[in-house]
């Protein structure tokens, strides 16, 4: 090893930390942006955000039915949300360093098309015929 310069060890911890900060920034920017977008006025958006932090009831967080009642959704909707979030999180973890399109393209014909059809039927069932379906006006038609 004499005469050869050693390469410094690269730190992936810094990259992972930046990735986490970037994800949090995008989440909170989008989350609070929707509050302002859906509010009738800026003051009502600030009141809503203030209510998140000041009217927080910790005991409801540790009770499964408390969460469902706190956000005013049904138990079926809670399971659908939980399942969808788990699928998105698992896909994000598994595909962090890979391209999903390339991985899907490498699959056999029947495997690739079963994923495509599963996605299409999921959108149709949960988007149009889902539990508690109520036809509402598209949001951009209100402007």
N, C-alpha and C. Protein backbone atom coordinates (compact mmCIF):
# COMPACT_ATOMS: atom_id res chain seq x y z
N UNK A 1 0.83 -1.19 0.00
CA UNK A 1 0.00 0.00 0.00
C UNK A 1 0.86 1.24 0.00
N UNK A 2 2.13 1.07 0.01
CA UNK A 2 3.01 2.22 0.08
C UNK A 2 3.00 2.94 -1.26
N UNK A 3 2.87 4.23 -1.24
CA UNK A 3 2.90 5.03 -2.45
C UNK A 3 1.53 5.26 -3.05
N UNK A 4 0.52 4.57 -2.59
CA UNK A 4 -0.82 4.76 -3.13
C UNK A 4 -1.64 5.60 -2.16
N UNK A 5 -2.34 6.56 -2.69
CA UNK A 5 -3.20 7.40 -1.85
C UNK A 5 -4.52 6.67 -1.63
N UNK A 6 -4.95 6.64 -0.40
CA UNK A 6 -6.22 6.00 -0.08
C UNK A 6 -7.36 6.97 -0.32
N UNK A 7 -8.44 6.43 -0.86
CA UNK A 7 -9.62 7.26 -1.09
C UNK A 7 -10.35 7.47 0.24
N UNK A 8 -10.78 8.69 0.48
CA UNK A 8 -11.53 8.90 1.71
C UNK A 8 -12.87 8.17 1.63
N UNK A 9 -13.30 7.67 2.76
CA UNK A 9 -14.58 6.97 2.80
C UNK A 9 -15.70 7.96 2.56
N UNK A 10 -16.58 7.61 1.62
CA UNK A 10 -17.70 8.50 1.34
C UNK A 10 -18.78 8.30 2.39
N UNK A 11 -19.41 9.37 2.74
CA UNK A 11 -20.43 9.32 3.77
C UNK A 11 -21.80 9.34 3.13
N UNK A 12 -22.51 8.25 3.31
CA UNK A 12 -23.89 8.22 2.80
C UNK A 12 -24.86 8.77 3.83
N UNK A 13 -24.38 8.99 5.06
CA UNK A 13 -25.25 9.53 6.10
C UNK A 13 -25.70 10.94 5.76
N UNK A 14 -24.80 11.73 5.17
CA UNK A 14 -25.15 13.09 4.78
C UNK A 14 -26.20 13.11 3.69
N UNK A 15 -26.08 12.19 2.74
CA UNK A 15 -27.05 12.11 1.65
C UNK A 15 -28.41 11.66 2.18
N UNK A 16 -28.41 10.66 3.08
CA UNK A 16 -29.67 10.19 3.65
C UNK A 16 -30.34 11.28 4.49
N UNK A 17 -29.52 12.05 5.21
CA UNK A 17 -30.08 13.14 6.02
C UNK A 17 -30.71 14.20 5.11
N UNK A 18 -30.02 14.53 4.01
CA UNK A 18 -30.57 15.51 3.07
C UNK A 18 -31.86 14.98 2.45
N UNK A 19 -31.89 13.70 2.12
CA UNK A 19 -33.09 13.09 1.55
C UNK A 19 -34.26 13.18 2.52
N UNK A 20 -34.01 12.94 3.81
CA UNK A 20 -35.05 13.04 4.82
C UNK A 20 -35.55 14.47 4.99
N UNK A 21 -34.62 15.43 4.98
CA UNK A 21 -35.01 16.84 5.10
C UNK A 21 -35.84 17.25 3.90
N UNK A 22 -35.44 16.80 2.72
CA UNK A 22 -36.17 17.13 1.51
C UNK A 22 -37.59 16.55 1.54
N UNK A 23 -37.73 15.32 2.00
CA UNK A 23 -39.06 14.72 2.10
C UNK A 23 -39.94 15.48 3.09
N UNK A 24 -39.38 15.85 4.24
CA UNK A 24 -40.16 16.60 5.22
C UNK A 24 -40.57 17.96 4.69
N UNK A 25 -39.66 18.64 4.00
CA UNK A 25 -39.98 19.94 3.42
C UNK A 25 -41.14 19.82 2.43
N UNK A 26 -41.05 18.83 1.54
CA UNK A 26 -42.12 18.65 0.56
C UNK A 26 -43.45 18.31 1.22
N UNK A 27 -43.41 17.46 2.23
CA UNK A 27 -44.65 17.09 2.92
C UNK A 27 -45.30 18.30 3.58
N UNK A 28 -44.54 19.05 4.36
CA UNK A 28 -45.14 20.16 5.10
C UNK A 28 -45.51 21.32 4.17
N UNK A 29 -44.74 21.53 3.14
CA UNK A 29 -45.09 22.57 2.17
C UNK A 29 -46.42 22.23 1.49
N UNK A 30 -46.57 20.99 1.07
CA UNK A 30 -47.82 20.57 0.44
C UNK A 30 -48.97 20.53 1.42
N UNK A 31 -48.71 20.08 2.64
CA UNK A 31 -49.76 19.96 3.65
C UNK A 31 -50.34 21.31 4.02
N UNK A 32 -49.48 22.27 4.32
CA UNK A 32 -49.98 23.59 4.70
C UNK A 32 -50.43 24.40 3.48
N UNK A 33 -49.89 24.09 2.33
CA UNK A 33 -50.38 24.73 1.11
C UNK A 33 -51.82 24.37 0.82
N UNK A 34 -52.19 23.12 1.08
CA UNK A 34 -53.58 22.71 0.89
C UNK A 34 -54.52 23.40 1.87
N UNK A 35 -54.03 23.68 3.08
CA UNK A 35 -54.86 24.40 4.04
C UNK A 35 -55.23 25.78 3.51
N UNK A 36 -54.25 26.48 2.96
CA UNK A 36 -54.52 27.81 2.42
C UNK A 36 -55.34 27.74 1.14
N UNK A 37 -55.13 26.70 0.33
CA UNK A 37 -55.86 26.57 -0.92
C UNK A 37 -57.34 26.30 -0.68
N UNK A 38 -57.65 25.47 0.29
CA UNK A 38 -59.04 25.07 0.53
C UNK A 38 -59.81 26.02 1.46
N UNK A 39 -59.12 26.95 2.11
CA UNK A 39 -59.79 27.85 3.05
C UNK A 39 -60.48 28.98 2.31
N UNK A 40 -61.53 29.48 2.94
CA UNK A 40 -62.27 30.58 2.32
C UNK A 40 -61.53 31.91 2.50
N UNK A 41 -60.68 32.00 3.51
CA UNK A 41 -59.88 33.21 3.71
C UNK A 41 -58.56 32.84 4.37
N UNK A 42 -57.64 33.75 4.38
CA UNK A 42 -56.34 33.49 5.01
C UNK A 42 -56.50 33.34 6.51
N UNK A 43 -57.38 34.11 7.10
CA UNK A 43 -57.59 34.02 8.55
C UNK A 43 -58.16 32.65 8.94
N UNK A 44 -59.06 32.10 8.12
CA UNK A 44 -59.60 30.78 8.45
C UNK A 44 -58.52 29.71 8.30
N UNK A 45 -57.60 29.90 7.37
CA UNK A 45 -56.49 28.95 7.24
C UNK A 45 -55.58 29.01 8.46
N UNK A 46 -55.28 30.23 8.93
CA UNK A 46 -54.45 30.36 10.13
C UNK A 46 -55.17 29.82 11.36
N UNK A 47 -56.49 30.03 11.45
CA UNK A 47 -57.26 29.47 12.57
C UNK A 47 -57.22 27.94 12.55
N UNK A 48 -57.31 27.37 11.36
CA UNK A 48 -57.26 25.92 11.22
C UNK A 48 -55.90 25.38 11.67
N UNK A 49 -54.82 26.01 11.20
CA UNK A 49 -53.47 25.59 11.58
C UNK A 49 -53.24 25.78 13.08
N UNK A 50 -53.74 26.88 13.63
CA UNK A 50 -53.63 27.11 15.07
C UNK A 50 -54.37 26.03 15.85
N UNK A 51 -55.52 25.61 15.34
CA UNK A 51 -56.29 24.57 16.00
C UNK A 51 -55.57 23.22 16.00
N UNK A 52 -54.73 22.98 14.99
CA UNK A 52 -53.97 21.73 14.95
C UNK A 52 -53.05 21.64 16.16
N UNK A 53 -52.41 22.75 16.49
CA UNK A 53 -51.42 22.73 17.55
C UNK A 53 -52.01 23.01 18.94
N UNK A 54 -53.04 23.82 19.03
CA UNK A 54 -53.57 24.19 20.34
C UNK A 54 -54.69 23.27 20.82
N UNK A 55 -55.46 22.70 19.90
CA UNK A 55 -56.57 21.82 20.28
C UNK A 55 -56.19 20.35 20.17
N UNK A 56 -54.90 20.06 20.22
CA UNK A 56 -54.42 18.70 20.07
C UNK A 56 -54.73 17.89 21.33
N UNK A 57 -55.36 16.74 21.15
CA UNK A 57 -55.72 15.88 22.28
C UNK A 57 -54.93 14.59 22.17
N UNK A 58 -53.91 14.48 23.01
CA UNK A 58 -52.96 13.38 22.93
C UNK A 58 -53.60 12.03 23.20
N UNK A 59 -54.61 11.97 24.05
CA UNK A 59 -55.23 10.68 24.36
C UNK A 59 -55.91 10.06 23.15
N UNK A 60 -56.35 10.87 22.19
CA UNK A 60 -56.96 10.33 20.99
C UNK A 60 -55.94 9.69 20.06
N UNK A 61 -54.68 10.10 20.20
CA UNK A 61 -53.64 9.55 19.35
C UNK A 61 -53.36 8.09 19.67
N UNK A 62 -53.52 7.70 20.92
CA UNK A 62 -53.21 6.34 21.33
C UNK A 62 -54.41 5.42 21.33
N UNK A 63 -55.54 5.90 20.93
CA UNK A 63 -56.75 5.09 20.83
C UNK A 63 -57.11 4.95 19.35
N UNK A 64 -57.17 3.72 18.82
CA UNK A 64 -57.50 3.56 17.40
C UNK A 64 -58.83 4.20 17.01
N UNK A 65 -59.84 4.02 17.83
CA UNK A 65 -61.13 4.64 17.51
C UNK A 65 -61.08 6.15 17.71
N UNK A 66 -60.20 6.62 18.59
CA UNK A 66 -60.06 8.05 18.81
C UNK A 66 -59.56 8.76 17.58
N UNK A 67 -58.63 8.14 16.86
CA UNK A 67 -58.11 8.74 15.62
C UNK A 67 -59.21 8.80 14.57
N UNK A 68 -59.95 7.70 14.45
CA UNK A 68 -61.03 7.65 13.46
C UNK A 68 -62.08 8.71 13.77
N UNK A 69 -62.42 8.88 15.04
CA UNK A 69 -63.41 9.89 15.42
C UNK A 69 -62.86 11.30 15.32
N UNK A 70 -61.56 11.47 15.58
CA UNK A 70 -60.97 12.81 15.55
C UNK A 70 -60.96 13.38 14.14
N UNK A 71 -60.73 12.54 13.15
CA UNK A 71 -60.71 13.05 11.77
C UNK A 71 -62.03 12.82 11.05
N UNK A 72 -63.01 12.25 11.76
CA UNK A 72 -64.36 12.10 11.26
C UNK A 72 -64.43 11.26 9.99
N UNK A 73 -63.82 10.07 10.04
CA UNK A 73 -63.91 9.12 8.93
C UNK A 73 -64.42 7.80 9.47
N UNK A 74 -64.86 6.94 8.57
CA UNK A 74 -65.35 5.63 8.99
C UNK A 74 -64.16 4.69 9.19
N UNK A 75 -64.42 3.58 9.83
CA UNK A 75 -63.37 2.59 10.07
C UNK A 75 -62.90 1.99 8.75
N UNK A 76 -63.82 1.77 7.82
CA UNK A 76 -63.44 1.24 6.51
C UNK A 76 -62.50 2.20 5.78
N UNK A 77 -62.83 3.49 5.82
CA UNK A 77 -61.95 4.47 5.19
C UNK A 77 -60.59 4.52 5.87
N UNK A 78 -60.56 4.34 7.18
CA UNK A 78 -59.28 4.34 7.90
C UNK A 78 -58.41 3.18 7.46
N UNK A 79 -59.00 1.99 7.26
CA UNK A 79 -58.22 0.85 6.79
C UNK A 79 -57.73 1.05 5.37
N UNK A 80 -58.54 1.67 4.52
CA UNK A 80 -58.11 1.95 3.15
C UNK A 80 -56.95 2.94 3.15
N UNK A 81 -57.05 3.96 3.98
CA UNK A 81 -55.97 4.96 4.07
C UNK A 81 -54.70 4.32 4.62
N UNK A 82 -54.84 3.50 5.65
CA UNK A 82 -53.68 2.83 6.24
C UNK A 82 -53.02 1.88 5.24
N UNK A 83 -53.82 1.12 4.53
CA UNK A 83 -53.27 0.20 3.53
C UNK A 83 -52.59 0.92 2.38
N UNK A 84 -53.21 1.99 1.90
CA UNK A 84 -52.59 2.76 0.82
C UNK A 84 -51.30 3.42 1.24
N UNK A 85 -51.28 3.92 2.47
CA UNK A 85 -50.05 4.53 2.98
C UNK A 85 -48.95 3.49 3.13
N UNK A 86 -49.29 2.30 3.58
CA UNK A 86 -48.30 1.23 3.71
C UNK A 86 -47.74 0.83 2.35
N UNK A 87 -48.60 0.75 1.33
CA UNK A 87 -48.13 0.41 -0.01
C UNK A 87 -47.20 1.49 -0.54
N UNK A 88 -47.56 2.75 -0.36
CA UNK A 88 -46.70 3.85 -0.83
C UNK A 88 -45.36 3.87 -0.10
N UNK A 89 -45.39 3.66 1.21
CA UNK A 89 -44.15 3.65 1.99
C UNK A 89 -43.26 2.49 1.59
N UNK A 90 -43.83 1.31 1.42
CA UNK A 90 -43.06 0.14 1.01
C UNK A 90 -42.46 0.33 -0.38
N UNK A 91 -43.23 0.88 -1.30
CA UNK A 91 -42.72 1.15 -2.65
C UNK A 91 -41.59 2.17 -2.61
N UNK A 92 -41.73 3.19 -1.80
CA UNK A 92 -40.68 4.21 -1.69
C UNK A 92 -39.40 3.62 -1.12
N UNK A 93 -39.52 2.77 -0.12
CA UNK A 93 -38.33 2.16 0.48
C UNK A 93 -37.66 1.20 -0.50
N UNK A 94 -38.45 0.37 -1.17
CA UNK A 94 -37.88 -0.61 -2.09
C UNK A 94 -37.30 0.02 -3.35
N UNK A 95 -37.86 1.12 -3.80
CA UNK A 95 -37.43 1.73 -5.05
C UNK A 95 -36.59 2.99 -4.85
N UNK A 96 -35.98 3.15 -3.69
CA UNK A 96 -35.21 4.36 -3.40
C UNK A 96 -34.06 4.55 -4.38
N UNK A 97 -33.32 3.48 -4.66
CA UNK A 97 -32.16 3.57 -5.54
C UNK A 97 -32.40 2.96 -6.91
N UNK A 98 -33.63 2.61 -7.21
CA UNK A 98 -33.94 1.98 -8.49
C UNK A 98 -35.08 2.72 -9.18
N UNK A 99 -35.21 2.50 -10.46
CA UNK A 99 -36.29 3.09 -11.24
C UNK A 99 -37.43 2.08 -11.34
N UNK A 100 -38.61 2.49 -10.92
CA UNK A 100 -39.75 1.59 -10.92
C UNK A 100 -40.12 1.14 -12.33
N UNK A 101 -40.03 2.04 -13.29
CA UNK A 101 -40.35 1.68 -14.67
C UNK A 101 -39.43 0.62 -15.23
N UNK A 102 -38.14 0.73 -14.92
CA UNK A 102 -37.17 -0.27 -15.40
C UNK A 102 -37.43 -1.61 -14.73
N UNK A 103 -37.70 -1.60 -13.42
CA UNK A 103 -37.99 -2.85 -12.71
C UNK A 103 -39.26 -3.50 -13.24
N UNK A 104 -40.25 -2.70 -13.54
CA UNK A 104 -41.51 -3.24 -14.07
C UNK A 104 -41.31 -3.78 -15.48
N UNK A 105 -40.47 -3.12 -16.27
CA UNK A 105 -40.21 -3.54 -17.65
C UNK A 105 -39.47 -4.87 -17.69
N UNK A 106 -38.69 -5.18 -16.68
CA UNK A 106 -37.93 -6.44 -16.62
C UNK A 106 -38.81 -7.62 -16.25
N UNK A 107 -40.00 -7.38 -15.77
CA UNK A 107 -40.89 -8.46 -15.36
C UNK A 107 -41.48 -9.14 -16.60
N UNK A 108 -41.91 -10.40 -16.46
CA UNK A 108 -42.56 -11.06 -17.59
C UNK A 108 -43.88 -10.37 -17.94
N UNK A 109 -44.37 -10.68 -19.12
CA UNK A 109 -45.58 -10.04 -19.65
C UNK A 109 -46.74 -10.13 -18.67
N UNK A 110 -47.02 -11.33 -18.14
CA UNK A 110 -48.17 -11.52 -17.25
C UNK A 110 -48.00 -10.76 -15.94
N UNK A 111 -46.78 -10.65 -15.44
CA UNK A 111 -46.54 -9.92 -14.19
C UNK A 111 -46.71 -8.42 -14.36
N UNK A 112 -46.19 -7.92 -15.48
CA UNK A 112 -46.29 -6.48 -15.77
C UNK A 112 -47.74 -6.07 -15.96
N UNK A 113 -48.48 -6.85 -16.74
CA UNK A 113 -49.87 -6.48 -17.02
C UNK A 113 -50.78 -6.71 -15.81
N UNK A 114 -50.43 -7.62 -14.95
CA UNK A 114 -51.24 -7.78 -13.73
C UNK A 114 -51.08 -6.55 -12.83
N UNK A 115 -49.89 -5.96 -12.79
CA UNK A 115 -49.69 -4.72 -12.02
C UNK A 115 -50.47 -3.58 -12.66
N UNK A 116 -50.41 -3.47 -13.98
CA UNK A 116 -51.15 -2.41 -14.67
C UNK A 116 -52.64 -2.52 -14.42
N UNK A 117 -53.19 -3.73 -14.55
CA UNK A 117 -54.63 -3.92 -14.35
C UNK A 117 -55.04 -3.70 -12.90
N UNK A 118 -54.18 -4.11 -11.97
CA UNK A 118 -54.46 -3.86 -10.56
C UNK A 118 -54.54 -2.37 -10.28
N UNK A 119 -53.65 -1.59 -10.85
CA UNK A 119 -53.68 -0.14 -10.66
C UNK A 119 -54.94 0.48 -11.28
N UNK A 120 -55.29 0.06 -12.48
CA UNK A 120 -56.48 0.62 -13.14
C UNK A 120 -57.74 0.28 -12.36
N UNK A 121 -57.89 -0.98 -11.96
CA UNK A 121 -59.08 -1.37 -11.20
C UNK A 121 -59.13 -0.71 -9.83
N UNK A 122 -57.98 -0.50 -9.21
CA UNK A 122 -57.95 0.20 -7.92
C UNK A 122 -58.45 1.63 -8.07
N UNK A 123 -58.01 2.29 -9.12
CA UNK A 123 -58.45 3.67 -9.36
C UNK A 123 -59.95 3.71 -9.63
N UNK A 124 -60.44 2.78 -10.43
CA UNK A 124 -61.86 2.76 -10.76
C UNK A 124 -62.70 2.45 -9.52
N UNK A 125 -62.31 1.44 -8.78
CA UNK A 125 -63.11 1.02 -7.62
C UNK A 125 -63.07 2.07 -6.51
N UNK A 126 -61.87 2.52 -6.13
CA UNK A 126 -61.79 3.47 -5.02
C UNK A 126 -62.12 4.90 -5.45
N UNK A 127 -61.98 5.20 -6.72
CA UNK A 127 -62.26 6.55 -7.17
C UNK A 127 -63.71 6.80 -7.50
N UNK A 128 -64.39 5.80 -8.01
CA UNK A 128 -65.77 6.03 -8.45
C UNK A 128 -66.78 5.24 -7.64
N UNK A 129 -66.46 4.00 -7.36
CA UNK A 129 -67.41 3.15 -6.66
C UNK A 129 -67.01 2.91 -5.22
N UNK A 130 -66.14 3.72 -4.68
CA UNK A 130 -65.62 3.51 -3.33
C UNK A 130 -66.68 3.64 -2.26
N UNK A 131 -66.30 3.28 -1.05
CA UNK A 131 -67.18 3.34 0.10
C UNK A 131 -67.60 4.78 0.35
N UNK A 132 -68.86 5.02 0.62
CA UNK A 132 -69.42 6.36 0.85
C UNK A 132 -69.21 7.29 -0.34
N UNK A 133 -69.35 6.76 -1.55
CA UNK A 133 -69.16 7.58 -2.74
C UNK A 133 -70.25 8.63 -2.84
N UNK A 134 -69.85 9.86 -3.06
CA UNK A 134 -70.79 10.95 -3.28
C UNK A 134 -70.24 11.82 -4.41
N UNK A 135 -71.04 11.98 -5.44
CA UNK A 135 -70.58 12.76 -6.57
C UNK A 135 -70.53 14.23 -6.19
N UNK A 136 -69.38 14.84 -6.38
CA UNK A 136 -69.18 16.25 -6.06
C UNK A 136 -68.60 16.95 -7.27
N UNK A 137 -68.69 18.24 -7.25
CA UNK A 137 -68.19 19.05 -8.34
C UNK A 137 -66.66 19.06 -8.30
N UNK A 138 -66.04 19.00 -9.47
CA UNK A 138 -64.59 19.06 -9.57
C UNK A 138 -64.13 20.41 -9.03
N UNK A 139 -63.04 20.42 -8.26
CA UNK A 139 -62.64 21.59 -7.51
C UNK A 139 -62.34 22.80 -8.39
N UNK A 140 -61.78 22.58 -9.58
CA UNK A 140 -61.40 23.70 -10.42
C UNK A 140 -62.58 24.34 -11.15
N UNK A 141 -63.75 23.66 -11.14
CA UNK A 141 -64.93 24.27 -11.71
C UNK A 141 -65.51 25.37 -10.82
N UNK A 142 -65.02 25.47 -9.59
CA UNK A 142 -65.53 26.45 -8.66
C UNK A 142 -64.96 27.85 -8.92
N UNK A 143 -63.91 27.94 -9.70
CA UNK A 143 -63.26 29.23 -9.92
C UNK A 143 -63.81 29.96 -11.11
